Amino acid sequence: MLTAALPHNCSRASPISSSAIVANILRAIGIRPLAARSRAWLQMVREAPPSVLANALGISAATAMRYAERAGTDYLAYASIAKR
């Protein structure tokens, strides 16, 4: 049983989502899920425009744009690469 994956404030009778279990397992082995997800986003917005990512991944354009701004992306450069 993955009792180590259960949050310390969670009794066995309360429901827990599978994503929460995975996040707890990752934390237990030293991986911070939120930091990993943020790094993945920063890499993706360097390779594709936020609007494309928003449509493909089903998130809001505003969220994708925030990641693009954090990454300091330049979409004029993307347009020149995409034309090739």
PDB file of N, CA and C in Angstrom:
ATOM      1  N   MET A   1       0.848  -1.191   0.000  1.00  0.00           N
ATOM      2  CA  MET A   1       0.000   0.000   0.000  1.00  0.00           C
ATOM      3  C   MET A   1       0.882   1.239   0.000  1.00  0.00           C
ATOM      4  N   LEU A   2       0.473   2.243  -0.687  1.00  0.00           N
ATOM      5  CA  LEU A   2       1.243   3.481  -0.782  1.00  0.00           C
ATOM      6  C   LEU A   2       0.847   4.460   0.319  1.00  0.00           C
ATOM      7  N   THR A   3       0.996   4.051   1.550  1.00  0.00           N
ATOM      8  CA  THR A   3       0.598   4.942   2.644  1.00  0.00           C
ATOM      9  C   THR A   3       1.481   6.176   2.706  1.00  0.00           C
ATOM     10  N   ALA A   4       2.722   6.068   2.246  1.00  0.00           N
ATOM     11  CA  ALA A   4       3.611   7.234   2.247  1.00  0.00           C
ATOM     12  C   ALA A   4       3.112   8.302   1.284  1.00  0.00           C
ATOM     13  N   ALA A   5       2.308   7.897   0.305  1.00  0.00           N
ATOM     14  CA  ALA A   5       1.803   8.848  -0.682  1.00  0.00           C
ATOM     15  C   ALA A   5       0.623   9.657  -0.157  1.00  0.00           C
ATOM     16  N   LEU A   6       0.036   9.215   0.945  1.00  0.00           N
ATOM     17  CA  LEU A   6      -1.102   9.943   1.494  1.00  0.00           C
ATOM     18  C   LEU A   6      -0.624  11.170   2.253  1.00  0.00           C
ATOM     19  N   PRO A   7      -1.286  12.302   2.077  1.00  0.00           N
ATOM     20  CA  PRO A   7      -0.920  13.488   2.852  1.00  0.00           C
ATOM     21  C   PRO A   7      -1.094  13.216   4.339  1.00  0.00           C
ATOM     22  N   HIS A   8      -0.276  13.854   5.165  1.00  0.00           N
ATOM     23  CA  HIS A   8      -0.328  13.602   6.604  1.00  0.00           C
ATOM     24  C   HIS A   8      -1.658  14.007   7.224  1.00  0.00           C
ATOM     25  N   ASN A   9      -2.392  14.916   6.602  1.00  0.00           N
ATOM     26  CA  ASN A   9      -3.674  15.359   7.163  1.00  0.00           C
ATOM     27  C   ASN A   9      -4.861  14.626   6.545  1.00  0.00           C
ATOM     28  N   CYS A  10      -4.611  13.530   5.872  1.00  0.00           N
ATOM     29  CA  CYS A  10      -5.663  12.792   5.166  1.00  0.00           C
ATOM     30  C   CYS A  10      -5.927  11.471   5.882  1.00  0.00           C
ATOM     31  N   SER A  11      -7.161  11.252   6.263  1.00  0.00           N
ATOM     32  CA  SER A  11      -7.499   9.959   6.850  1.00  0.00           C
ATOM     33  C   SER A  11      -7.759   8.979   5.716  1.00  0.00           C
ATOM     34  N   ARG A  12      -7.711   7.724   6.019  1.00  0.00           N
ATOM     35  CA  ARG A  12      -7.924   6.700   4.984  1.00  0.00           C
ATOM     36  C   ARG A  12      -9.353   6.730   4.439  1.00  0.00           C
ATOM     37  N   ALA A  13     -10.285   7.307   5.163  1.00  0.00           N
ATOM     38  CA  ALA A  13     -11.677   7.324   4.731  1.00  0.00           C
ATOM     39  C   ALA A  13     -11.977   8.464   3.766  1.00  0.00           C
ATOM     40  N   SER A  14     -11.119   9.470   3.704  1.00  0.00           N
ATOM     41  CA  SER A  14     -11.418  10.600   2.826  1.00  0.00           C
ATOM     42  C   SER A  14     -10.887  10.339   1.417  1.00  0.00           C
ATOM     43  N   PRO A  15     -11.623  10.791   0.410  1.00  0.00           N
ATOM     44  CA  PRO A  15     -11.200  10.558  -0.971  1.00  0.00           C
ATOM     45  C   PRO A  15      -9.970  11.399  -1.321  1.00  0.00           C
ATOM     46  N   ILE A  16      -9.125  10.855  -2.175  1.00  0.00           N
ATOM     47  CA  ILE A  16      -7.958  11.586  -2.661  1.00  0.00           C
ATOM     48  C   ILE A  16      -7.835  11.297  -4.153  1.00  0.00           C
ATOM     49  N   SER A  17      -7.524  12.316  -4.912  1.00  0.00           N
ATOM     50  CA  SER A  17      -7.443  12.138  -6.361  1.00  0.00           C
ATOM     51  C   SER A  17      -6.147  11.435  -6.742  1.00  0.00           C
ATOM     52  N   SER A  18      -6.157  10.809  -7.899  1.00  0.00           N
ATOM     53  CA  SER A  18      -4.953  10.128  -8.370  1.00  0.00           C
ATOM     54  C   SER A  18      -3.828  11.120  -8.631  1.00  0.00           C
ATOM     55  N   SER A  19      -4.166  12.335  -9.081  1.00  0.00           N
ATOM     56  CA  SER A  19      -3.114  13.326  -9.314  1.00  0.00           C
ATOM     57  C   SER A  19      -2.469  13.762  -8.002  1.00  0.00           C
ATOM     58  N   ALA A  20      -3.244  13.813  -6.922  1.00  0.00           N
ATOM     59  CA  ALA A  20      -2.673  14.146  -5.613  1.00  0.00           C
ATOM     60  C   ALA A  20      -1.749  13.039  -5.129  1.00  0.00           C
ATOM     61  N   ILE A  21      -2.115  11.797  -5.383  1.00  0.00           N
ATOM     62  CA  ILE A  21      -1.259  10.671  -5.001  1.00  0.00           C
ATOM     63  C   ILE A  21       0.058  10.734  -5.767  1.00  0.00           C
ATOM     64  N   VAL A  22      -0.023  10.963  -7.080  1.00  0.00           N
ATOM     65  CA  VAL A  22       1.194  11.059  -7.895  1.00  0.00           C
ATOM     66  C   VAL A  22       2.064  12.215  -7.419  1.00  0.00           C
ATOM     67  N   ALA A  23       1.463  13.359  -7.149  1.00  0.00           N
ATOM     68  CA  ALA A  23       2.222  14.516  -6.671  1.00  0.00           C
ATOM     69  C   ALA A  23       2.919  14.199  -5.355  1.00  0.00           C
ATOM     70  N   ASN A  24       2.239  13.502  -4.462  1.00  0.00           N
ATOM     71  CA  ASN A  24       2.850  13.139  -3.181  1.00  0.00           C
ATOM     72  C   ASN A  24       3.995  12.151  -3.357  1.00  0.00           C
ATOM     73  N   ILE A  25       3.853  11.203  -4.273  1.00  0.00           N
ATOM     74  CA  ILE A  25       4.933  10.255  -4.550  1.00  0.00           C
ATOM     75  C   ILE A  25       6.139  10.996  -5.120  1.00  0.00           C
ATOM     76  N   LEU A  26       5.890  11.902  -6.063  1.00  0.00           N
ATOM     77  CA  LEU A  26       6.994  12.670  -6.644  1.00  0.00           C
ATOM     78  C   LEU A  26       7.714  13.489  -5.577  1.00  0.00           C
ATOM     79  N   ARG A  27       6.955  14.129  -4.703  1.00  0.00           N
ATOM     80  CA  ARG A  27       7.574  14.908  -3.620  1.00  0.00           C
ATOM     81  C   ARG A  27       8.404  14.017  -2.702  1.00  0.00           C
ATOM     82  N   ALA A  28       7.906  12.806  -2.447  1.00  0.00           N
ATOM     83  CA  ALA A  28       8.617  11.883  -1.558  1.00  0.00           C
ATOM     84  C   ALA A  28       9.975  11.481  -2.120  1.00  0.00           C
ATOM     85  N   ILE A  29      10.117  11.484  -3.447  1.00  0.00           N
ATOM     86  CA  ILE A  29      11.411  11.129  -4.047  1.00  0.00           C
ATOM     87  C   ILE A  29      12.204  12.360  -4.471  1.00  0.00           C
ATOM     88  N   GLY A  30      11.745  13.530  -4.053  1.00  0.00           N
ATOM     89  CA  GLY A  30      12.525  14.744  -4.264  1.00  0.00           C
ATOM     90  C   GLY A  30      12.215  15.546  -5.515  1.00  0.00           C
ATOM     91  N   ILE A  31      11.114  15.242  -6.190  1.00  0.00           N
ATOM     92  CA  ILE A  31      10.724  15.991  -7.390  1.00  0.00           C
ATOM     93  C   ILE A  31       9.587  16.930  -7.018  1.00  0.00           C
ATOM     94  N   ARG A  32       9.742  18.196  -7.339  1.00  0.00           N
ATOM     95  CA  ARG A  32       8.687  19.176  -7.060  1.00  0.00           C
ATOM     96  C   ARG A  32       7.820  19.316  -8.316  1.00  0.00           C
ATOM     97  N   PRO A  33       6.588  18.776  -8.296  1.00  0.00           N
ATOM     98  CA  PRO A  33       5.747  18.760  -9.496  1.00  0.00           C
ATOM     99  C   PRO A  33       5.458  20.141 -10.083  1.00  0.00           C
ATOM    100  N   LEU A  34       5.169  21.122  -9.253  1.00  0.00           N
ATOM    101  CA  LEU A  34       4.842  22.446  -9.769  1.00  0.00           C
ATOM    102  C   LEU A  34       6.044  23.077 -10.468  1.00  0.00           C
ATOM    103  N   ALA A  35       7.219  22.938  -9.884  1.00  0.00           N
ATOM    104  CA  ALA A  35       8.428  23.485 -10.503  1.00  0.00           C
ATOM    105  C   ALA A  35       8.718  22.788 -11.828  1.00  0.00           C
ATOM    106  N   ALA A  36       8.522  21.470 -11.870  1.00  0.00           N
ATOM    107  CA  ALA A  36       8.760  20.723 -13.105  1.00  0.00           C
ATOM    108  C   ALA A  36       7.779  21.152 -14.191  1.00  0.00           C
ATOM    109  N   ARG A  37       6.521  21.351 -13.816  1.00  0.00           N
ATOM    110  CA  ARG A  37       5.516  21.778 -14.793  1.00  0.00           C
ATOM    111  C   ARG A  37       5.833  23.177 -15.318  1.00  0.00           C
ATOM    112  N   SER A  38       6.260  24.062 -14.434  1.00  0.00           N
ATOM    113  CA  SER A  38       6.609  25.420 -14.862  1.00  0.00           C
ATOM    114  C   SER A  38       7.784  25.409 -15.828  1.00  0.00           C
ATOM    115  N   ARG A  39       8.805  24.601 -15.526  1.00  0.00           N
ATOM    116  CA  ARG A  39       9.953  24.510 -16.443  1.00  0.00           C
ATOM    117  C   ARG A  39       9.528  23.955 -17.797  1.00  0.00           C
ATOM    118  N   ALA A  40       8.634  22.976 -17.793  1.00  0.00           N
ATOM    119  CA  ALA A  40       8.153  22.412 -19.058  1.00  0.00           C
ATOM    120  C   ALA A  40       7.420  23.478 -19.876  1.00  0.00           C
ATOM    121  N   TRP A  41       6.578  24.273 -19.210  1.00  0.00           N
ATOM    122  CA  TRP A  41       5.867  25.349 -19.907  1.00  0.00           C
ATOM    123  C   TRP A  41       6.831  26.365 -20.495  1.00  0.00           C
ATOM    124  N   LEU A  42       7.840  26.755 -19.707  1.00  0.00           N
ATOM    125  CA  LEU A  42       8.798  27.746 -20.197  1.00  0.00           C
ATOM    126  C   LEU A  42       9.516  27.233 -21.438  1.00  0.00           C
ATOM    127  N   GLN A  43       9.796  25.943 -21.486  1.00  0.00           N
ATOM    128  CA  GLN A  43      10.430  25.367 -22.674  1.00  0.00           C
ATOM    129  C   GLN A  43       9.452  25.347 -23.853  1.00  0.00           C
ATOM    130  N   MET A  44       8.207  24.953 -23.612  1.00  0.00           N
ATOM    131  CA  MET A  44       7.229  24.876 -24.709  1.00  0.00           C
ATOM    132  C   MET A  44       6.972  26.233 -25.344  1.00  0.00           C
ATOM    133  N   VAL A  45       6.850  27.295 -24.532  1.00  0.00           N
ATOM    134  CA  VAL A  45       6.540  28.604 -25.114  1.00  0.00           C
ATOM    135  C   VAL A  45       7.733  29.198 -25.849  1.00  0.00           C
ATOM    136  N   ARG A  46       8.907  28.631 -25.655  1.00  0.00           N
ATOM    137  CA  ARG A  46      10.063  29.055 -26.455  1.00  0.00           C
ATOM    138  C   ARG A  46      10.017  28.432 -27.848  1.00  0.00           C
ATOM    139  N   GLU A  47       9.231  27.372 -27.992  1.00  0.00           N
ATOM    140  CA  GLU A  47       9.190  26.633 -29.250  1.00  0.00           C
ATOM    141  C   GLU A  47       7.908  26.840 -30.050  1.00  0.00           C
ATOM    142  N   ALA A  48       6.861  27.350 -29.443  1.00  0.00           N
ATOM    143  CA  ALA A  48       5.588  27.558 -30.144  1.00  0.00           C
ATOM    144  C   ALA A  48       4.868  28.748 -29.525  1.00  0.00           C
ATOM    145  N   PRO A  49       4.056  29.442 -30.310  1.00  0.00           N
ATOM    146  CA  PRO A  49       3.314  30.591 -29.779  1.00  0.00           C
ATOM    147  C   PRO A  49       2.299  30.163 -28.714  1.00  0.00           C
ATOM    148  N   PRO A  50       2.036  31.044 -27.758  1.00  0.00           N
ATOM    149  CA  PRO A  50       1.081  30.711 -26.694  1.00  0.00           C
ATOM    150  C   PRO A  50      -0.301  30.343 -27.215  1.00  0.00           C
ATOM    151  N   SER A  51      -0.754  30.982 -28.284  1.00  0.00           N
ATOM    152  CA  SER A  51      -2.096  30.669 -28.802  1.00  0.00           C
ATOM    153  C   SER A  51      -2.165  29.236 -29.316  1.00  0.00           C
ATOM    154  N   VAL A  52      -1.104  28.760 -29.946  1.00  0.00           N
ATOM    155  CA  VAL A  52      -1.062  27.378 -30.435  1.00  0.00           C
ATOM    156  C   VAL A  52      -1.087  26.416 -29.251  1.00  0.00           C
ATOM    157  N   LEU A  53      -0.281  26.704 -28.228  1.00  0.00           N
ATOM    158  CA  LEU A  53      -0.247  25.846 -27.041  1.00  0.00           C
ATOM    159  C   LEU A  53      -1.582  25.863 -26.302  1.00  0.00           C
ATOM    160  N   ALA A  54      -2.193  27.027 -26.199  1.00  0.00           N
ATOM    161  CA  ALA A  54      -3.481  27.128 -25.508  1.00  0.00           C
ATOM    162  C   ALA A  54      -4.524  26.253 -26.194  1.00  0.00           C
ATOM    163  N   ASN A  55      -4.589  26.322 -27.519  1.00  0.00           N
ATOM    164  CA  ASN A  55      -5.556  25.501 -28.259  1.00  0.00           C
ATOM    165  C   ASN A  55      -5.231  24.017 -28.156  1.00  0.00           C
ATOM    166  N   ALA A  56      -3.959  23.673 -28.284  1.00  0.00           N
ATOM    167  CA  ALA A  56      -3.565  22.268 -28.286  1.00  0.00           C
ATOM    168  C   ALA A  56      -3.733  21.613 -26.918  1.00  0.00           C
ATOM    169  N   LEU A  57      -3.484  22.373 -25.859  1.00  0.00           N
ATOM    170  CA  LEU A  57      -3.494  21.794 -24.519  1.00  0.00           C
ATOM    171  C   LEU A  57      -4.745  22.112 -23.713  1.00  0.00           C
ATOM    172  N   GLY A  58      -5.643  22.917 -24.294  1.00  0.00           N
ATOM    173  CA  GLY A  58      -6.911  23.199 -23.630  1.00  0.00           C
ATOM    174  C   GLY A  58      -6.799  24.100 -22.417  1.00  0.00           C
ATOM    175  N   ILE A  59      -5.895  25.074 -22.473  1.00  0.00           N
ATOM    176  CA  ILE A  59      -5.785  26.040 -21.383  1.00  0.00           C
ATOM    177  C   ILE A  59      -6.163  27.409 -21.912  1.00  0.00           C
ATOM    178  N   SER A  60      -6.276  28.366 -21.027  1.00  0.00           N
ATOM    179  CA  SER A  60      -6.640  29.707 -21.485  1.00  0.00           C
ATOM    180  C   SER A  60      -5.450  30.372 -22.161  1.00  0.00           C
ATOM    181  N   ALA A  61      -5.751  31.231 -23.119  1.00  0.00           N
ATOM    182  CA  ALA A  61      -4.702  31.978 -23.810  1.00  0.00           C
ATOM    183  C   ALA A  61      -3.961  32.883 -22.833  1.00  0.00           C
ATOM    184  N   ALA A  62      -4.668  33.400 -21.833  1.00  0.00           N
ATOM    185  CA  ALA A  62      -4.035  34.279 -20.838  1.00  0.00           C
ATOM    186  C   ALA A  62      -2.975  33.527 -20.037  1.00  0.00           C
ATOM    187  N   THR A  63      -3.271  32.294 -19.666  1.00  0.00           N
ATOM    188  CA  THR A  63      -2.295  31.490 -18.924  1.00  0.00           C
ATOM    189  C   THR A  63      -1.077  31.207 -19.785  1.00  0.00           C
ATOM    190  N   ALA A  64      -1.309  30.817 -21.024  1.00  0.00           N
ATOM    191  CA  ALA A  64      -0.194  30.549 -21.938  1.00  0.00           C
ATOM    192  C   ALA A  64       0.631  31.813 -22.159  1.00  0.00           C
ATOM    193  N   MET A  65      -0.028  32.948 -22.253  1.00  0.00           N
ATOM    194  CA  MET A  65       0.675  34.215 -22.458  1.00  0.00           C
ATOM    195  C   MET A  65       1.531  34.578 -21.247  1.00  0.00           C
ATOM    196  N   ARG A  66       1.036  34.291 -20.042  1.00  0.00           N
ATOM    197  CA  ARG A  66       1.836  34.566 -18.831  1.00  0.00           C
ATOM    198  C   ARG A  66       3.133  33.765 -18.839  1.00  0.00           C
ATOM    199  N   TYR A  67       3.050  32.501 -19.236  1.00  0.00           N
ATOM    200  CA  TYR A  67       4.268  31.694 -19.323  1.00  0.00           C
ATOM    201  C   TYR A  67       5.203  32.244 -20.398  1.00  0.00           C
ATOM    202  N   ALA A  68       4.645  32.691 -21.515  1.00  0.00           N
ATOM    203  CA  ALA A  68       5.473  33.256 -22.583  1.00  0.00           C
ATOM    204  C   ALA A  68       6.194  34.509 -22.107  1.00  0.00           C
ATOM    205  N   GLU A  69       5.496  35.343 -21.349  1.00  0.00           N
ATOM    206  CA  GLU A  69       6.122  36.558 -20.820  1.00  0.00           C
ATOM    207  C   GLU A  69       7.237  36.214 -19.839  1.00  0.00           C
ATOM    208  N   ARG A  70       7.003  35.205 -18.992  1.00  0.00           N
ATOM    209  CA  ARG A  70       8.045  34.774 -18.047  1.00  0.00           C
ATOM    210  C   ARG A  70       9.270  34.238 -18.780  1.00  0.00           C
ATOM    211  N   ALA A  71       9.031  33.562 -19.901  1.00  0.00           N
ATOM    212  CA  ALA A  71      10.138  32.979 -20.663  1.00  0.00           C
ATOM    213  C   ALA A  71      10.865  34.027 -21.489  1.00  0.00           C
ATOM    214  N   GLY A  72      10.256  35.207 -21.657  1.00  0.00           N
ATOM    215  CA  GLY A  72      10.879  36.262 -22.450  1.00  0.00           C
ATOM    216  C   GLY A  72      10.972  35.899 -23.919  1.00  0.00           C
ATOM    217  N   THR A  73       9.936  35.270 -24.437  1.00  0.00           N
ATOM    218  CA  THR A  73       9.973  34.807 -25.825  1.00  0.00           C
ATOM    219  C   THR A  73       9.801  35.948 -26.817  1.00  0.00           C
ATOM    220  N   ASP A  74      10.306  35.719 -28.014  1.00  0.00           N
ATOM    221  CA  ASP A  74      10.241  36.690 -29.100  1.00  0.00           C
ATOM    222  C   ASP A  74       9.537  36.019 -30.279  1.00  0.00           C
ATOM    223  N   TYR A  75       8.290  36.412 -30.542  1.00  0.00           N
ATOM    224  CA  TYR A  75       7.532  35.733 -31.582  1.00  0.00           C
ATOM    225  C   TYR A  75       7.860  36.203 -32.981  1.00  0.00           C
ATOM    226  N   LEU A  76       8.572  37.284 -33.122  1.00  0.00           N
ATOM    227  CA  LEU A  76       9.059  37.648 -34.453  1.00  0.00           C
ATOM    228  C   LEU A  76      10.092  36.621 -34.896  1.00  0.00           C
ATOM    229  N   ALA A  77      10.919  36.180 -33.964  1.00  0.00           N
ATOM    230  CA  ALA A  77      11.895  35.136 -34.284  1.00  0.00           C
ATOM    231  C   ALA A  77      11.173  33.838 -34.636  1.00  0.00           C
ATOM    232  N   TYR A  78      10.110  33.506 -33.919  1.00  0.00           N
ATOM    233  CA  TYR A  78       9.352  32.294 -34.210  1.00  0.00           C
ATOM    234  C   TYR A  78       8.757  32.360 -35.610  1.00  0.00           C
ATOM    235  N   ALA A  79       8.216  33.515 -35.982  1.00  0.00           N
ATOM    236  CA  ALA A  79       7.610  33.661 -37.307  1.00  0.00           C
ATOM    237  C   ALA A  79       8.639  33.428 -38.401  1.00  0.00           C
ATOM    238  N   SER A  80       9.855  33.912 -38.226  1.00  0.00           N
ATOM    239  CA  SER A  80      10.870  33.716 -39.260  1.00  0.00           C
ATOM    240  C   SER A  80      11.284  32.252 -39.351  1.00  0.00           C
ATOM    241  N   ILE A  81      11.311  31.545 -38.216  1.00  0.00           N
ATOM    242  CA  ILE A  81      11.646  30.118 -38.239  1.00  0.00           C
ATOM    243  C   ILE A  81      10.513  29.328 -38.882  1.00  0.00           C
ATOM    244  N   ALA A  82       9.264  29.687 -38.580  1.00  0.00           N
ATOM    245  CA  ALA A  82       8.102  28.960 -39.093  1.00  0.00           C
ATOM    246  C   ALA A  82       7.969  29.095 -40.603  1.00  0.00           C
ATOM    247  N   LYS A  83       8.464  30.196 -41.185  1.00  0.00           N
ATOM    248  CA  LYS A  83       8.356  30.398 -42.632  1.00  0.00           C
ATOM    249  C   LYS A  83       9.288  29.492 -43.416  1.00  0.00           C
ATOM    250  N   ARG A  84      10.333  28.999 -42.791  1.00  0.00           N
ATOM    251  CA  ARG A  84      11.328  28.175 -43.507  1.00  0.00           C
ATOM    252  C   ARG A  84      10.781  26.880 -43.977  1.00  0.00           C
TER     253      ARG A  84
END
